[in-house]
Every structure is written in structure tokens, then in C-alpha cells.
Amino acid sequence: YIGKNVRITGGQGVILKKARETGFLVIAESEGMISHGAAINFVHRNEGLRFELNASNASHANLQFSSRLESMSAAIVLK
């Protein structure tokens, strides 16, 4: 889990890459983290808390999202 106060710099980027390579599920809560390796990312949208999903990042942890979970998400990234 990567909290909203964590900024991704060179060192943390290496950690995210290693987590992805070894099959860890990465969950985060800041804008843009879905493109930095998070499979699930919590974001504030429309004055509420929503989540984004990245199917490619989840597949590195040998996971698939259910269609029901996908239907509740704010965004789904397939690549």
C-alpha cells in the first residue's frame, strides 16, 4: 500500500518496479499512481472517494478483476 503522502522519485520507482516483477499487488491513493504500477488506486472524484483499476498491473500479481468490481470503478486501464 502506498499512501497519498508518498512521492514517487527514483528510489521509489525502483521499488515499484521490483514489486511488479515479483508479483506483489500494489494499492495506492494518489493521482497518477495507476500508471506507475498500482493495480488499484483510490482517488477523489466528484467530491467522493473512487477507485481506478489497472488490469495489466494486476496480472503481474496473477490476479483478475471481477466484472462486478470493474463496473464500480471510476476508470479501468487495460494496458
N, C-alpha and C. Protein backbone atom coordinates (compact mmCIF):
# COMPACT_ATOMS: atom_id res chain seq x y z
N TYR A 1 0.84 -1.18 0.00
CA TYR A 1 0.00 0.00 0.00
C TYR A 1 0.89 1.24 0.00
N ILE A 2 0.59 2.16 -0.90
CA ILE A 2 1.35 3.40 -0.99
C ILE A 2 0.40 4.55 -0.69
N GLY A 3 0.62 5.23 0.42
CA GLY A 3 -0.25 6.31 0.85
C GLY A 3 -0.13 7.55 -0.01
N LYS A 4 -1.08 8.48 0.17
CA LYS A 4 -1.13 9.68 -0.66
C LYS A 4 0.02 10.64 -0.40
N ASN A 5 0.70 10.52 0.71
CA ASN A 5 1.81 11.42 1.02
C ASN A 5 3.15 10.95 0.47
N VAL A 6 3.18 9.80 -0.16
CA VAL A 6 4.42 9.26 -0.73
C VAL A 6 4.57 9.80 -2.15
N ARG A 7 5.70 10.38 -2.44
CA ARG A 7 6.00 10.88 -3.78
C ARG A 7 6.92 9.89 -4.48
N ILE A 8 6.62 9.60 -5.72
CA ILE A 8 7.42 8.65 -6.47
C ILE A 8 8.60 9.37 -7.10
N THR A 9 9.79 9.02 -6.64
CA THR A 9 11.03 9.54 -7.20
C THR A 9 11.84 8.35 -7.68
N GLY A 10 13.09 8.55 -7.99
CA GLY A 10 13.93 7.48 -8.50
C GLY A 10 13.94 6.24 -7.63
N GLY A 11 14.16 6.40 -6.33
CA GLY A 11 14.25 5.26 -5.42
C GLY A 11 12.95 4.50 -5.29
N GLN A 12 11.85 5.23 -5.13
CA GLN A 12 10.56 4.57 -5.00
C GLN A 12 10.15 3.93 -6.32
N GLY A 13 10.54 4.52 -7.44
CA GLY A 13 10.24 3.93 -8.74
C GLY A 13 10.86 2.57 -8.89
N VAL A 14 12.07 2.41 -8.37
CA VAL A 14 12.76 1.11 -8.41
C VAL A 14 12.00 0.10 -7.55
N ILE A 15 11.51 0.54 -6.40
CA ILE A 15 10.75 -0.35 -5.52
C ILE A 15 9.47 -0.81 -6.21
N LEU A 16 8.77 0.13 -6.85
CA LEU A 16 7.54 -0.23 -7.57
C LEU A 16 7.83 -1.23 -8.69
N LYS A 17 8.91 -1.01 -9.42
CA LYS A 17 9.28 -1.91 -10.50
C LYS A 17 9.57 -3.31 -9.95
N LYS A 18 10.29 -3.38 -8.85
CA LYS A 18 10.63 -4.67 -8.23
C LYS A 18 9.37 -5.38 -7.72
N ALA A 19 8.45 -4.61 -7.14
CA ALA A 19 7.19 -5.20 -6.66
C ALA A 19 6.41 -5.80 -7.82
N ARG A 20 6.40 -5.10 -8.93
CA ARG A 20 5.69 -5.59 -10.11
C ARG A 20 6.36 -6.85 -10.65
N GLU A 21 7.68 -6.87 -10.71
CA GLU A 21 8.41 -8.03 -11.23
C GLU A 21 8.24 -9.27 -10.37
N THR A 22 8.05 -9.09 -9.06
CA THR A 22 7.95 -10.22 -8.15
C THR A 22 6.51 -10.62 -7.84
N GLY A 23 5.53 -9.93 -8.47
CA GLY A 23 4.14 -10.34 -8.33
C GLY A 23 3.41 -9.82 -7.11
N PHE A 24 3.82 -8.68 -6.58
CA PHE A 24 3.10 -8.08 -5.46
C PHE A 24 1.94 -7.24 -5.97
N LEU A 25 0.84 -7.24 -5.24
CA LEU A 25 -0.29 -6.37 -5.55
C LEU A 25 -0.01 -5.00 -4.94
N VAL A 26 0.00 -3.97 -5.78
CA VAL A 26 0.27 -2.61 -5.31
C VAL A 26 -1.05 -1.84 -5.30
N ILE A 27 -1.38 -1.29 -4.14
CA ILE A 27 -2.56 -0.45 -3.95
C ILE A 27 -2.07 0.92 -3.53
N ALA A 28 -2.64 1.97 -4.13
CA ALA A 28 -2.18 3.33 -3.84
C ALA A 28 -3.37 4.26 -3.67
N GLU A 29 -3.05 5.51 -3.33
CA GLU A 29 -4.12 6.50 -3.18
C GLU A 29 -3.67 7.91 -3.59
N SER A 30 -3.11 8.04 -4.77
CA SER A 30 -2.83 9.37 -5.31
C SER A 30 -2.94 9.38 -6.82
N GLU A 31 -3.27 10.56 -7.35
CA GLU A 31 -3.44 10.72 -8.79
C GLU A 31 -2.19 10.25 -9.53
N GLY A 32 -2.41 9.51 -10.58
CA GLY A 32 -1.32 9.08 -11.43
C GLY A 32 -0.65 7.77 -11.05
N MET A 33 -0.96 7.23 -9.88
CA MET A 33 -0.28 6.01 -9.45
C MET A 33 -0.67 4.78 -10.27
N ILE A 34 -1.81 4.84 -10.92
CA ILE A 34 -2.24 3.72 -11.74
C ILE A 34 -1.27 3.52 -12.91
N SER A 35 -0.62 4.60 -13.33
CA SER A 35 0.36 4.49 -14.42
C SER A 35 1.77 4.25 -13.91
N HIS A 36 1.95 4.20 -12.60
CA HIS A 36 3.26 3.95 -12.01
C HIS A 36 3.36 2.55 -11.39
N GLY A 37 2.39 1.69 -11.64
CA GLY A 37 2.49 0.32 -11.16
C GLY A 37 1.40 -0.15 -10.24
N ALA A 38 0.53 0.74 -9.78
CA ALA A 38 -0.55 0.32 -8.88
C ALA A 38 -1.63 -0.42 -9.66
N ALA A 39 -2.14 -1.48 -9.09
CA ALA A 39 -3.25 -2.22 -9.70
C ALA A 39 -4.57 -1.59 -9.30
N ILE A 40 -4.63 -1.07 -8.09
CA ILE A 40 -5.81 -0.39 -7.56
C ILE A 40 -5.35 0.95 -7.02
N ASN A 41 -6.05 2.00 -7.39
CA ASN A 41 -5.68 3.34 -6.94
C ASN A 41 -6.92 4.08 -6.48
N PHE A 42 -6.93 4.53 -5.24
CA PHE A 42 -8.04 5.31 -4.71
C PHE A 42 -7.81 6.78 -5.00
N VAL A 43 -8.84 7.46 -5.53
CA VAL A 43 -8.73 8.87 -5.90
C VAL A 43 -10.00 9.61 -5.48
N HIS A 44 -9.86 10.91 -5.29
CA HIS A 44 -11.02 11.75 -5.00
C HIS A 44 -11.59 12.26 -6.32
N ARG A 45 -12.84 11.96 -6.59
CA ARG A 45 -13.53 12.40 -7.80
C ARG A 45 -14.94 12.79 -7.43
N ASN A 46 -15.39 13.90 -7.98
CA ASN A 46 -16.77 14.36 -7.75
C ASN A 46 -17.12 14.39 -6.27
N GLU A 47 -16.21 14.92 -5.48
CA GLU A 47 -16.38 15.07 -4.03
C GLU A 47 -16.61 13.74 -3.31
N GLY A 48 -16.05 12.67 -3.86
CA GLY A 48 -16.15 11.37 -3.22
C GLY A 48 -14.91 10.55 -3.50
N LEU A 49 -14.78 9.46 -2.78
CA LEU A 49 -13.64 8.56 -2.96
C LEU A 49 -14.03 7.48 -3.96
N ARG A 50 -13.25 7.35 -5.02
CA ARG A 50 -13.47 6.34 -6.06
C ARG A 50 -12.19 5.53 -6.22
N PHE A 51 -12.22 4.54 -7.07
CA PHE A 51 -11.01 3.77 -7.33
C PHE A 51 -10.86 3.52 -8.81
N GLU A 52 -9.60 3.36 -9.21
CA GLU A 52 -9.23 3.03 -10.58
C GLU A 52 -8.59 1.65 -10.56
N LEU A 53 -8.69 0.95 -11.67
CA LEU A 53 -8.11 -0.38 -11.79
C LEU A 53 -7.17 -0.43 -12.98
N ASN A 54 -6.07 -1.16 -12.84
CA ASN A 54 -5.18 -1.40 -13.95
C ASN A 54 -5.03 -2.91 -14.10
N ALA A 55 -5.69 -3.46 -15.12
CA ALA A 55 -5.72 -4.91 -15.32
C ALA A 55 -4.34 -5.48 -15.60
N SER A 56 -3.51 -4.73 -16.32
CA SER A 56 -2.16 -5.20 -16.64
C SER A 56 -1.32 -5.32 -15.37
N ASN A 57 -1.39 -4.31 -14.51
CA ASN A 57 -0.62 -4.37 -13.26
C ASN A 57 -1.13 -5.49 -12.36
N ALA A 58 -2.42 -5.74 -12.35
CA ALA A 58 -2.97 -6.83 -11.54
C ALA A 58 -2.50 -8.19 -12.06
N SER A 59 -2.36 -8.30 -13.38
CA SER A 59 -1.95 -9.59 -13.94
C SER A 59 -0.53 -9.97 -13.51
N HIS A 60 0.31 -9.00 -13.17
CA HIS A 60 1.65 -9.30 -12.67
C HIS A 60 1.60 -9.98 -11.30
N ALA A 61 0.49 -9.78 -10.58
CA ALA A 61 0.29 -10.45 -9.29
C ALA A 61 -0.62 -11.67 -9.46
N ASN A 62 -0.80 -12.10 -10.72
CA ASN A 62 -1.66 -13.24 -11.06
C ASN A 62 -3.09 -13.05 -10.58
N LEU A 63 -3.59 -11.84 -10.73
CA LEU A 63 -4.96 -11.51 -10.32
C LEU A 63 -5.77 -11.02 -11.51
N GLN A 64 -7.07 -11.22 -11.44
CA GLN A 64 -8.01 -10.67 -12.40
C GLN A 64 -9.09 -9.96 -11.61
N PHE A 65 -9.62 -8.87 -12.16
CA PHE A 65 -10.72 -8.16 -11.52
C PHE A 65 -12.03 -8.76 -12.00
N SER A 66 -12.96 -8.89 -11.09
CA SER A 66 -14.28 -9.38 -11.48
C SER A 66 -15.01 -8.28 -12.26
N SER A 67 -15.93 -8.68 -13.10
CA SER A 67 -16.69 -7.70 -13.87
C SER A 67 -17.51 -6.81 -12.96
N ARG A 68 -17.93 -7.32 -11.84
CA ARG A 68 -18.70 -6.51 -10.88
C ARG A 68 -17.82 -5.41 -10.28
N LEU A 69 -16.58 -5.75 -9.92
CA LEU A 69 -15.66 -4.74 -9.40
C LEU A 69 -15.34 -3.71 -10.47
N GLU A 70 -15.12 -4.17 -11.70
CA GLU A 70 -14.84 -3.25 -12.80
C GLU A 70 -15.99 -2.28 -13.02
N SER A 71 -17.22 -2.74 -12.88
CA SER A 71 -18.37 -1.87 -13.10
C SER A 71 -18.49 -0.77 -12.05
N MET A 72 -17.89 -0.96 -10.89
CA MET A 72 -17.94 0.05 -9.84
C MET A 72 -16.78 1.03 -9.89
N SER A 73 -15.79 0.77 -10.72
CA SER A 73 -14.59 1.61 -10.74
C SER A 73 -14.82 2.90 -11.51
N ALA A 74 -13.98 3.90 -11.20
CA ALA A 74 -14.04 5.18 -11.90
C ALA A 74 -13.34 5.08 -13.25
N ALA A 75 -12.34 4.22 -13.37
CA ALA A 75 -11.61 4.05 -14.62
C ALA A 75 -10.95 2.66 -14.63
N ILE A 76 -10.81 2.12 -15.83
CA ILE A 76 -10.14 0.83 -16.00
C ILE A 76 -9.06 1.00 -17.06
N VAL A 77 -7.84 0.65 -16.72
CA VAL A 77 -6.72 0.69 -17.67
C VAL A 77 -6.42 -0.76 -18.04
N LEU A 78 -6.47 -1.06 -19.31
CA LEU A 78 -6.25 -2.43 -19.75
C LEU A 78 -4.82 -2.72 -20.15
N LYS A 79 -4.05 -1.72 -20.51
CA LYS A 79 -2.67 -1.93 -20.95
C LYS A 79 -1.73 -1.91 -19.81
